[in-house]
């Protein structure tokens, strides 16, 4: 099963690097708060704070952290212990412009 999920925080990306070759997955914050940082460690610049239940597009794993897709198409990192992966892949393609959609 494949679902399309677009949130205010996560849209599209083209990412490569060690540990980032898998298909994007849908994850959910499972702790009261999850801190998304610019690097895969606790010393990285804080990019965002997500509450429990917030959906994330997980691009891959880098050590104990997950690489996640940010709204500006960059990659952020969140501690893996704060995220529960769901059994769904995430569609990271750009939404089509209305003029590009085929009529039903």
PDB file of N, CA and C in Angstrom:
ATOM      1  N   UNK A   1       0.843  -1.174   0.000  1.00  0.00           N
ATOM      2  CA  UNK A   1       0.000   0.000   0.000  1.00  0.00           C
ATOM      3  C   UNK A   1       0.886   1.234   0.000  1.00  0.00           C
ATOM      4  N   UNK A   2       0.528   2.221  -0.781  1.00  0.00           N
ATOM      5  CA  UNK A   2       1.260   3.484  -0.844  1.00  0.00           C
ATOM      6  C   UNK A   2       0.268   4.602  -0.612  1.00  0.00           C
ATOM      7  N   UNK A   3       0.582   5.499   0.319  1.00  0.00           N
ATOM      8  CA  UNK A   3      -0.286   6.645   0.549  1.00  0.00           C
ATOM      9  C   UNK A   3       0.475   7.914   0.251  1.00  0.00           C
ATOM     10  N   UNK A   4      -0.249   8.926  -0.149  1.00  0.00           N
ATOM     11  CA  UNK A   4       0.352  10.230  -0.385  1.00  0.00           C
ATOM     12  C   UNK A   4       0.058  11.093   0.822  1.00  0.00           C
ATOM     13  N   UNK A   5       1.089  11.665   1.418  1.00  0.00           N
ATOM     14  CA  UNK A   5       0.907  12.519   2.586  1.00  0.00           C
ATOM     15  C   UNK A   5       1.721  13.781   2.398  1.00  0.00           C
ATOM     16  N   UNK A   6       1.070  14.895   2.466  1.00  0.00           N
ATOM     17  CA  UNK A   6       1.757  16.179   2.411  1.00  0.00           C
ATOM     18  C   UNK A   6       1.407  16.939   3.669  1.00  0.00           C
ATOM     19  N   UNK A   7       2.401  17.375   4.399  1.00  0.00           N
ATOM     20  CA  UNK A   7       2.137  18.173   5.584  1.00  0.00           C
ATOM     21  C   UNK A   7       2.737  19.553   5.387  1.00  0.00           C
ATOM     22  N   UNK A   8       2.419  20.451   6.270  1.00  0.00           N
ATOM     23  CA  UNK A   8       2.951  21.807   6.189  1.00  0.00           C
ATOM     24  C   UNK A   8       4.461  21.810   6.341  1.00  0.00           C
ATOM     25  N   UNK A   9       5.017  20.810   6.990  1.00  0.00           N
ATOM     26  CA  UNK A   9       6.447  20.806   7.256  1.00  0.00           C
ATOM     27  C   UNK A   9       7.257  20.014   6.249  1.00  0.00           C
ATOM     28  N   UNK A  10       6.626  19.154   5.476  1.00  0.00           N
ATOM     29  CA  UNK A  10       7.399  18.215   4.679  1.00  0.00           C
ATOM     30  C   UNK A  10       6.850  18.054   3.278  1.00  0.00           C
ATOM     31  N   UNK A  11       7.696  18.318   2.269  1.00  0.00           N
ATOM     32  CA  UNK A  11       7.208  18.198   0.902  1.00  0.00           C
ATOM     33  C   UNK A  11       8.127  17.358   0.030  1.00  0.00           C
ATOM     34  N   UNK A  12       9.090  17.937  -0.693  1.00  0.00           N
ATOM     35  CA  UNK A  12       9.873  17.149  -1.639  1.00  0.00           C
ATOM     36  C   UNK A  12      11.376  17.317  -1.413  1.00  0.00           C
ATOM     37  N   UNK A  13      12.146  16.374  -1.910  1.00  0.00           N
ATOM     38  CA  UNK A  13      13.597  16.504  -1.800  1.00  0.00           C
ATOM     39  C   UNK A  13      14.291  15.544  -2.746  1.00  0.00           C
ATOM     40  N   UNK A  14      15.519  15.868  -3.028  1.00  0.00           N
ATOM     41  CA  UNK A  14      16.404  14.960  -3.731  1.00  0.00           C
ATOM     42  C   UNK A  14      17.619  14.829  -2.826  1.00  0.00           C
ATOM     43  N   UNK A  15      17.751  13.702  -2.176  1.00  0.00           N
ATOM     44  CA  UNK A  15      18.767  13.542  -1.145  1.00  0.00           C
ATOM     45  C   UNK A  15      19.590  12.321  -1.458  1.00  0.00           C
ATOM     46  N   UNK A  16      20.884  12.422  -1.225  1.00  0.00           N
ATOM     47  CA  UNK A  16      21.739  11.254  -1.364  1.00  0.00           C
ATOM     48  C   UNK A  16      22.750  11.272  -0.235  1.00  0.00           C
ATOM     49  N   UNK A  17      23.392  10.160  -0.048  1.00  0.00           N
ATOM     50  CA  UNK A  17      24.394  10.061   1.003  1.00  0.00           C
ATOM     51  C   UNK A  17      24.267   8.731   1.708  1.00  0.00           C
ATOM     52  N   UNK A  18      25.243   8.394   2.549  1.00  0.00           N
ATOM     53  CA  UNK A  18      25.195   7.117   3.255  1.00  0.00           C
ATOM     54  C   UNK A  18      23.940   7.011   4.106  1.00  0.00           C
ATOM     55  N   UNK A  19      23.276   5.888   4.011  1.00  0.00           N
ATOM     56  CA  UNK A  19      22.103   5.643   4.839  1.00  0.00           C
ATOM     57  C   UNK A  19      20.832   6.306   4.341  1.00  0.00           C
ATOM     58  N   UNK A  20      20.869   6.949   3.160  1.00  0.00           N
ATOM     59  CA  UNK A  20      19.692   7.659   2.676  1.00  0.00           C
ATOM     60  C   UNK A  20      19.173   7.103   1.363  1.00  0.00           C
ATOM     61  N   UNK A  21      19.499   5.864   1.028  1.00  0.00           N
ATOM     62  CA  UNK A  21      19.120   5.308  -0.261  1.00  0.00           C
ATOM     63  C   UNK A  21      17.775   4.594  -0.258  1.00  0.00           C
ATOM     64  N   UNK A  22      17.174   4.394   0.887  1.00  0.00           N
ATOM     65  CA  UNK A  22      15.909   3.669   0.945  1.00  0.00           C
ATOM     66  C   UNK A  22      14.743   4.548   0.498  1.00  0.00           C
ATOM     67  N   UNK A  23      13.590   3.927   0.264  1.00  0.00           N
ATOM     68  CA  UNK A  23      12.384   4.683  -0.077  1.00  0.00           C
ATOM     69  C   UNK A  23      11.939   5.489   1.130  1.00  0.00           C
ATOM     70  N   UNK A  24      11.499   6.726   0.912  1.00  0.00           N
ATOM     71  CA  UNK A  24      11.008   7.526   2.040  1.00  0.00           C
ATOM     72  C   UNK A  24       9.845   6.831   2.723  1.00  0.00           C
ATOM     73  N   UNK A  25       9.807   6.923   4.049  1.00  0.00           N
ATOM     74  CA  UNK A  25       8.763   6.296   4.854  1.00  0.00           C
ATOM     75  C   UNK A  25       8.040   7.360   5.654  1.00  0.00           C
ATOM     76  N   UNK A  26       6.837   7.047   6.045  1.00  0.00           N
ATOM     77  CA  UNK A  26       6.072   7.925   6.906  1.00  0.00           C
ATOM     78  C   UNK A  26       6.379   7.550   8.354  1.00  0.00           C
ATOM     79  N   UNK A  27       6.652   8.560   9.171  1.00  0.00           N
ATOM     80  CA  UNK A  27       6.905   8.350  10.586  1.00  0.00           C
ATOM     81  C   UNK A  27       6.058   9.314  11.390  1.00  0.00           C
ATOM     82  N   UNK A  28       5.929   9.054  12.684  1.00  0.00           N
ATOM     83  CA  UNK A  28       5.154   9.923  13.566  1.00  0.00           C
ATOM     84  C   UNK A  28       5.954  10.139  14.847  1.00  0.00           C
ATOM     85  N   UNK A  29       5.939  11.372  15.352  1.00  0.00           N
ATOM     86  CA  UNK A  29       6.621  11.683  16.607  1.00  0.00           C
ATOM     87  C   UNK A  29       5.895  10.930  17.729  1.00  0.00           C
ATOM     88  N   UNK A  30       6.643  10.150  18.497  1.00  0.00           N
ATOM     89  CA  UNK A  30       6.046   9.291  19.520  1.00  0.00           C
ATOM     90  C   UNK A  30       6.352   9.757  20.941  1.00  0.00           C
ATOM     91  N   UNK A  31       7.111  10.819  21.094  1.00  0.00           N
ATOM     92  CA  UNK A  31       7.438  11.383  22.401  1.00  0.00           C
ATOM     93  C   UNK A  31       6.796  12.767  22.499  1.00  0.00           C
ATOM     94  N   UNK A  32       6.728  13.368  23.689  1.00  0.00           N
ATOM     95  CA  UNK A  32       6.070  14.677  23.799  1.00  0.00           C
ATOM     96  C   UNK A  32       6.607  15.726  22.828  1.00  0.00           C
ATOM     97  N   UNK A  33       7.912  15.739  22.592  1.00  0.00           N
ATOM     98  CA  UNK A  33       8.522  16.667  21.635  1.00  0.00           C
ATOM     99  C   UNK A  33       9.663  15.969  20.913  1.00  0.00           C
ATOM    100  N   UNK A  34       9.905  16.362  19.671  1.00  0.00           N
ATOM    101  CA  UNK A  34      11.057  15.883  18.912  1.00  0.00           C
ATOM    102  C   UNK A  34      11.748  17.099  18.311  1.00  0.00           C
ATOM    103  N   UNK A  35      13.057  17.162  18.479  1.00  0.00           N
ATOM    104  CA  UNK A  35      13.842  18.293  17.986  1.00  0.00           C
ATOM    105  C   UNK A  35      14.491  17.914  16.666  1.00  0.00           C
ATOM    106  N   UNK A  36      14.238  18.706  15.633  1.00  0.00           N
ATOM    107  CA  UNK A  36      14.861  18.473  14.333  1.00  0.00           C
ATOM    108  C   UNK A  36      16.049  19.414  14.218  1.00  0.00           C
ATOM    109  N   UNK A  37      17.204  18.846  13.937  1.00  0.00           N
ATOM    110  CA  UNK A  37      18.453  19.606  13.890  1.00  0.00           C
ATOM    111  C   UNK A  37      19.081  19.553  12.499  1.00  0.00           C
ATOM    112  N   UNK A  38      20.015  20.465  12.255  1.00  0.00           N
ATOM    113  CA  UNK A  38      20.663  20.572  10.945  1.00  0.00           C
ATOM    114  C   UNK A  38      21.685  19.465  10.709  1.00  0.00           C
ATOM    115  N   UNK A  39      22.198  18.861  11.773  1.00  0.00           N
ATOM    116  CA  UNK A  39      23.163  17.770  11.644  1.00  0.00           C
ATOM    117  C   UNK A  39      22.700  16.597  12.494  1.00  0.00           C
ATOM    118  N   UNK A  40      23.263  15.443  12.212  1.00  0.00           N
ATOM    119  CA  UNK A  40      22.841  14.217  12.891  1.00  0.00           C
ATOM    120  C   UNK A  40      23.534  14.061  14.243  1.00  0.00           C
ATOM    121  N   UNK A  41      23.366  15.046  15.100  1.00  0.00           N
ATOM    122  CA  UNK A  41      23.853  14.957  16.482  1.00  0.00           C
ATOM    123  C   UNK A  41      23.149  16.026  17.317  1.00  0.00           C
ATOM    124  N   UNK A  42      23.312  15.960  18.621  1.00  0.00           N
ATOM    125  CA  UNK A  42      22.620  16.887  19.514  1.00  0.00           C
ATOM    126  C   UNK A  42      23.187  18.300  19.501  1.00  0.00           C
ATOM    127  N   UNK A  43      24.326  18.508  18.846  1.00  0.00           N
ATOM    128  CA  UNK A  43      24.951  19.828  18.817  1.00  0.00           C
ATOM    129  C   UNK A  43      24.554  20.643  17.596  1.00  0.00           C
ATOM    130  N   UNK A  44      23.798  20.057  16.665  1.00  0.00           N
ATOM    131  CA  UNK A  44      23.418  20.753  15.441  1.00  0.00           C
ATOM    132  C   UNK A  44      22.433  21.885  15.697  1.00  0.00           C
ATOM    133  N   UNK A  45      22.402  22.837  14.790  1.00  0.00           N
ATOM    134  CA  UNK A  45      21.477  23.965  14.890  1.00  0.00           C
ATOM    135  C   UNK A  45      20.039  23.444  14.918  1.00  0.00           C
ATOM    136  N   UNK A  46      19.245  23.956  15.854  1.00  0.00           N
ATOM    137  CA  UNK A  46      17.843  23.558  15.976  1.00  0.00           C
ATOM    138  C   UNK A  46      17.038  24.173  14.833  1.00  0.00           C
ATOM    139  N   UNK A  47      16.367  23.321  14.057  1.00  0.00           N
ATOM    140  CA  UNK A  47      15.565  23.780  12.922  1.00  0.00           C
ATOM    141  C   UNK A  47      14.082  23.851  13.257  1.00  0.00           C
ATOM    142  N   UNK A  48      13.607  22.895  14.057  1.00  0.00           N
ATOM    143  CA  UNK A  48      12.179  22.828  14.346  1.00  0.00           C
ATOM    144  C   UNK A  48      11.938  21.952  15.573  1.00  0.00           C
ATOM    145  N   UNK A  49      10.805  22.174  16.218  1.00  0.00           N
ATOM    146  CA  UNK A  49      10.362  21.331  17.326  1.00  0.00           C
ATOM    147  C   UNK A  49       8.982  20.806  16.939  1.00  0.00           C
ATOM    148  N   UNK A  50       8.822  19.501  16.974  1.00  0.00           N
ATOM    149  CA  UNK A  50       7.563  18.872  16.562  1.00  0.00           C
ATOM    150  C   UNK A  50       6.894  18.207  17.759  1.00  0.00           C
ATOM    151  N   UNK A  51       5.575  18.383  17.894  1.00  0.00           N
ATOM    152  CA  UNK A  51       4.846  17.766  19.006  1.00  0.00           C
ATOM    153  C   UNK A  51       4.521  16.295  18.719  1.00  0.00           C
ATOM    154  N   UNK A  52       4.150  15.587  19.766  1.00  0.00           N
ATOM    155  CA  UNK A  52       3.724  14.190  19.625  1.00  0.00           C
ATOM    156  C   UNK A  52       2.575  14.107  18.620  1.00  0.00           C
ATOM    157  N   UNK A  53       2.645  13.109  17.745  1.00  0.00           N
ATOM    158  CA  UNK A  53       1.612  12.907  16.739  1.00  0.00           C
ATOM    159  C   UNK A  53       1.899  13.587  15.413  1.00  0.00           C
ATOM    160  N   UNK A  54       2.959  14.386  15.339  1.00  0.00           N
ATOM    161  CA  UNK A  54       3.309  15.084  14.103  1.00  0.00           C
ATOM    162  C   UNK A  54       3.898  14.082  13.111  1.00  0.00           C
ATOM    163  N   UNK A  55       3.420  14.109  11.874  1.00  0.00           N
ATOM    164  CA  UNK A  55       3.915  13.198  10.841  1.00  0.00           C
ATOM    165  C   UNK A  55       5.177  13.755  10.207  1.00  0.00           C
ATOM    166  N   UNK A  56       6.108  12.840   9.909  1.00  0.00           N
ATOM    167  CA  UNK A  56       7.384  13.191   9.287  1.00  0.00           C
ATOM    168  C   UNK A  56       7.632  12.288   8.088  1.00  0.00           C
ATOM    169  N   UNK A  57       8.281  12.831   7.078  1.00  0.00           N
ATOM    170  CA  UNK A  57       8.751  12.012   5.970  1.00  0.00           C
ATOM    171  C   UNK A  57      10.188  11.627   6.286  1.00  0.00           C
ATOM    172  N   UNK A  58      10.409  10.351   6.536  1.00  0.00           N
ATOM    173  CA  UNK A  58      11.719   9.842   6.926  1.00  0.00           C
ATOM    174  C   UNK A  58      12.451   9.386   5.667  1.00  0.00           C
ATOM    175  N   UNK A  59      13.603  10.010   5.411  1.00  0.00           N
ATOM    176  CA  UNK A  59      14.376   9.722   4.205  1.00  0.00           C
ATOM    177  C   UNK A  59      15.362   8.582   4.400  1.00  0.00           C
ATOM    178  N   UNK A  60      15.776   8.359   5.628  1.00  0.00           N
ATOM    179  CA  UNK A  60      16.742   7.302   5.894  1.00  0.00           C
ATOM    180  C   UNK A  60      17.287   7.421   7.293  1.00  0.00           C
ATOM    181  N   UNK A  61      18.270   6.604   7.584  1.00  0.00           N
ATOM    182  CA  UNK A  61      18.862   6.562   8.923  1.00  0.00           C
ATOM    183  C   UNK A  61      20.317   6.988   8.831  1.00  0.00           C
ATOM    184  N   UNK A  62      20.753   7.753   9.794  1.00  0.00           N
ATOM    185  CA  UNK A  62      22.165   8.122   9.900  1.00  0.00           C
ATOM    186  C   UNK A  62      22.551   7.897  11.360  1.00  0.00           C
ATOM    187  N   UNK A  63      23.157   6.747  11.635  1.00  0.00           N
ATOM    188  CA  UNK A  63      23.449   6.375  13.015  1.00  0.00           C
ATOM    189  C   UNK A  63      22.146   6.186  13.775  1.00  0.00           C
ATOM    190  N   UNK A  64      22.040   6.785  14.982  1.00  0.00           N
ATOM    191  CA  UNK A  64      20.811   6.646  15.758  1.00  0.00           C
ATOM    192  C   UNK A  64      19.716   7.634  15.350  1.00  0.00           C
ATOM    193  N   UNK A  65      20.012   8.485  14.375  1.00  0.00           N
ATOM    194  CA  UNK A  65      19.063   9.528  13.960  1.00  0.00           C
ATOM    195  C   UNK A  65      18.406   9.203  12.622  1.00  0.00           C
ATOM    196  N   UNK A  66      17.221   9.788  12.423  1.00  0.00           N
ATOM    197  CA  UNK A  66      16.549   9.703  11.136  1.00  0.00           C
ATOM    198  C   UNK A  66      16.751  11.008  10.384  1.00  0.00           C
ATOM    199  N   UNK A  67      16.983  10.916   9.094  1.00  0.00           N
ATOM    200  CA  UNK A  67      16.997  12.083   8.210  1.00  0.00           C
ATOM    201  C   UNK A  67      15.552  12.316   7.791  1.00  0.00           C
ATOM    202  N   UNK A  68      15.063  13.550   7.960  1.00  0.00           N
ATOM    203  CA  UNK A  68      13.677  13.866   7.636  1.00  0.00           C
ATOM    204  C   UNK A  68      13.630  15.035   6.667  1.00  0.00           C
ATOM    205  N   UNK A  69      12.563  15.082   5.910  1.00  0.00           N
ATOM    206  CA  UNK A  69      12.376  16.097   4.889  1.00  0.00           C
ATOM    207  C   UNK A  69      11.766  17.357   5.494  1.00  0.00           C
ATOM    208  N   UNK A  70      12.384  18.497   5.220  1.00  0.00           N
ATOM    209  CA  UNK A  70      11.905  19.778   5.731  1.00  0.00           C
ATOM    210  C   UNK A  70      11.105  20.504   4.651  1.00  0.00           C
ATOM    211  N   UNK A  71      10.296  21.486   5.047  1.00  0.00           N
ATOM    212  CA  UNK A  71       9.431  22.226   4.120  1.00  0.00           C
ATOM    213  C   UNK A  71      10.231  22.962   3.047  1.00  0.00           C
ATOM    214  N   UNK A  72      11.452  23.372   3.362  1.00  0.00           N
ATOM    215  CA  UNK A  72      12.267  24.101   2.383  1.00  0.00           C
ATOM    216  C   UNK A  72      13.101  23.156   1.517  1.00  0.00           C
ATOM    217  N   UNK A  73      12.766  21.884   1.533  1.00  0.00           N
ATOM    218  CA  UNK A  73      13.397  20.845   0.715  1.00  0.00           C
ATOM    219  C   UNK A  73      14.771  20.432   1.229  1.00  0.00           C
ATOM    220  N   UNK A  74      15.162  20.901   2.403  1.00  0.00           N
ATOM    221  CA  UNK A  74      16.429  20.490   2.989  1.00  0.00           C
ATOM    222  C   UNK A  74      16.194  19.242   3.851  1.00  0.00           C
ATOM    223  N   UNK A  75      17.274  18.737   4.413  1.00  0.00           N
ATOM    224  CA  UNK A  75      17.197  17.573   5.281  1.00  0.00           C
ATOM    225  C   UNK A  75      17.490  17.987   6.708  1.00  0.00           C
ATOM    226  N   UNK A  76      16.668  17.525   7.625  1.00  0.00           N
ATOM    227  CA  UNK A  76      16.901  17.712   9.050  1.00  0.00           C
ATOM    228  C   UNK A  76      17.088  16.347   9.687  1.00  0.00           C
ATOM    229  N   UNK A  77      17.519  16.344  10.934  1.00  0.00           N
ATOM    230  CA  UNK A  77      17.781  15.082  11.623  1.00  0.00           C
ATOM    231  C   UNK A  77      17.078  15.071  12.973  1.00  0.00           C
ATOM    232  N   UNK A  78      16.458  13.950  13.285  1.00  0.00           N
ATOM    233  CA  UNK A  78      15.725  13.783  14.534  1.00  0.00           C
ATOM    234  C   UNK A  78      16.175  12.475  15.174  1.00  0.00           C
ATOM    235  N   UNK A  79      16.261  12.474  16.512  1.00  0.00           N
ATOM    236  CA  UNK A  79      16.663  11.258  17.221  1.00  0.00           C
ATOM    237  C   UNK A  79      15.683  10.130  16.912  1.00  0.00           C
ATOM    238  N   UNK A  80      16.206   8.990  16.502  1.00  0.00           N
ATOM    239  CA  UNK A  80      15.368   7.853  16.139  1.00  0.00           C
ATOM    240  C   UNK A  80      14.457   7.389  17.263  1.00  0.00           C
ATOM    241  N   UNK A  81      14.887   7.564  18.511  1.00  0.00           N
ATOM    242  CA  UNK A  81      14.073   7.122  19.650  1.00  0.00           C
ATOM    243  C   UNK A  81      12.790   7.934  19.795  1.00  0.00           C
ATOM    244  N   UNK A  82      12.696   9.091  19.103  1.00  0.00           N
ATOM    245  CA  UNK A  82      11.516   9.955  19.202  1.00  0.00           C
ATOM    246  C   UNK A  82      10.504   9.739  18.077  1.00  0.00           C
ATOM    247  N   UNK A  83      10.803   8.821  17.169  1.00  0.00           N
ATOM    248  CA  UNK A  83       9.958   8.629  15.983  1.00  0.00           C
ATOM    249  C   UNK A  83       9.594   7.157  15.841  1.00  0.00           C
ATOM    250  N   UNK A  84       8.327   6.904  15.548  1.00  0.00           N
ATOM    251  CA  UNK A  84       7.859   5.545  15.243  1.00  0.00           C
ATOM    252  C   UNK A  84       7.592   5.489  13.745  1.00  0.00           C
ATOM    253  N   UNK A  85       8.291   4.590  13.054  1.00  0.00           N
ATOM    254  CA  UNK A  85       8.055   4.417  11.617  1.00  0.00           C
ATOM    255  C   UNK A  85       6.725   3.714  11.403  1.00  0.00           C
ATOM    256  N   UNK A  86       5.982   4.178  10.423  1.00  0.00           N
ATOM    257  CA  UNK A  86       4.704   3.571  10.063  1.00  0.00           C
ATOM    258  C   UNK A  86       4.909   2.682   8.843  1.00  0.00           C
ATOM    259  N   UNK A  87       4.030   1.727   8.603  1.00  0.00           N
ATOM    260  CA  UNK A  87       4.216   0.795   7.484  1.00  0.00           C
ATOM    261  C   UNK A  87       3.768   1.373   6.136  1.00  0.00           C
ATOM    262  N   UNK A  88       4.133   2.610   5.859  1.00  0.00           N
ATOM    263  CA  UNK A  88       3.755   3.274   4.614  1.00  0.00           C
ATOM    264  C   UNK A  88       4.964   3.972   4.016  1.00  0.00           C
ATOM    265  N   UNK A  89       5.052   3.956   2.712  1.00  0.00           N
ATOM    266  CA  UNK A  89       6.061   4.780   2.050  1.00  0.00           C
ATOM    267  C   UNK A  89       5.471   6.172   1.863  1.00  0.00           C
ATOM    268  N   UNK A  90       6.341   7.141   1.716  1.00  0.00           N
ATOM    269  CA  UNK A  90       5.903   8.523   1.547  1.00  0.00           C
ATOM    270  C   UNK A  90       6.156   8.955   0.112  1.00  0.00           C
ATOM    271  N   UNK A  91       5.174   9.591  -0.495  1.00  0.00           N
ATOM    272  CA  UNK A  91       5.308  10.114  -1.853  1.00  0.00           C
ATOM    273  C   UNK A  91       5.923  11.492  -1.754  1.00  0.00           C
ATOM    274  N   UNK A  92       7.155  11.639  -2.215  1.00  0.00           N
ATOM    275  CA  UNK A  92       7.856  12.917  -2.118  1.00  0.00           C
ATOM    276  C   UNK A  92       7.850  13.690  -3.429  1.00  0.00           C
ATOM    277  N   UNK A  93       6.999  13.276  -4.355  1.00  0.00           N
ATOM    278  CA  UNK A  93       6.913  14.017  -5.613  1.00  0.00           C
ATOM    279  C   UNK A  93       6.135  15.308  -5.393  1.00  0.00           C
ATOM    280  N   UNK A  94       6.409  16.264  -6.221  1.00  0.00           N
ATOM    281  CA  UNK A  94       5.744  17.568  -6.127  1.00  0.00           C
ATOM    282  C   UNK A  94       4.284  17.441  -6.553  1.00  0.00           C
ATOM    283  N   UNK A  95       3.374  18.131  -5.866  1.00  0.00           N
ATOM    284  CA  UNK A  95       1.990  18.125  -6.342  1.00  0.00           C
ATOM    285  C   UNK A  95       1.917  18.759  -7.727  1.00  0.00           C
ATOM    286  N   UNK A  96       1.081  18.216  -8.570  1.00  0.00           N
ATOM    287  CA  UNK A  96       0.958  18.759  -9.925  1.00  0.00           C
ATOM    288  C   UNK A  96       0.195  20.072  -9.902  1.00  0.00           C
ATOM    289  N   UNK A  97       0.628  20.962 -10.764  1.00  0.00           N
ATOM    290  CA  UNK A  97      -0.080  22.221 -10.961  1.00  0.00           C
ATOM    291  C   UNK A  97      -1.443  21.886 -11.558  1.00  0.00           C
ATOM    292  N   UNK A  98      -2.520  22.610 -11.192  1.00  0.00           N
ATOM    293  CA  UNK A  98      -3.847  22.260 -11.714  1.00  0.00           C
ATOM    294  C   UNK A  98      -3.891  22.118 -13.231  1.00  0.00           C
ATOM    295  N   UNK A  99      -3.102  22.875 -13.961  1.00  0.00           N
ATOM    296  CA  UNK A  99      -3.114  22.794 -15.432  1.00  0.00           C
ATOM    297  C   UNK A  99      -2.506  21.482 -15.915  1.00  0.00           C
ATOM    298  N   UNK A 100      -1.706  20.799 -15.078  1.00  0.00           N
ATOM    299  CA  UNK A 100      -1.074  19.550 -15.471  1.00  0.00           C
ATOM    300  C   UNK A 100      -1.910  18.323 -15.115  1.00  0.00           C
ATOM    301  N   UNK A 101      -2.941  18.491 -14.329  1.00  0.00           N
ATOM    302  CA  UNK A 101      -3.790  17.366 -13.942  1.00  0.00           C
ATOM    303  C   UNK A 101      -4.703  16.960 -15.076  1.00  0.00           C
ATOM    304  N   UNK A 102      -4.914  15.673 -15.164  1.00  0.00           N
ATOM    305  CA  UNK A 102      -5.843  15.168 -16.181  1.00  0.00           C
ATOM    306  C   UNK A 102      -7.239  15.212 -15.627  1.00  0.00           C
ATOM    307  N   UNK A 103      -8.225  15.579 -16.436  1.00  0.00           N
ATOM    308  CA  UNK A 103      -9.613  15.584 -15.940  1.00  0.00           C
ATOM    309  C   UNK A 103     -10.082  14.173 -15.647  1.00  0.00           C
ATOM    310  N   UNK A 104     -11.019  14.044 -14.713  1.00  0.00           N
ATOM    311  CA  UNK A 104     -11.553  12.733 -14.318  1.00  0.00           C
ATOM    312  C   UNK A 104     -12.543  12.238 -15.310  1.00  0.00           C
TER     313      UNK A 104
END
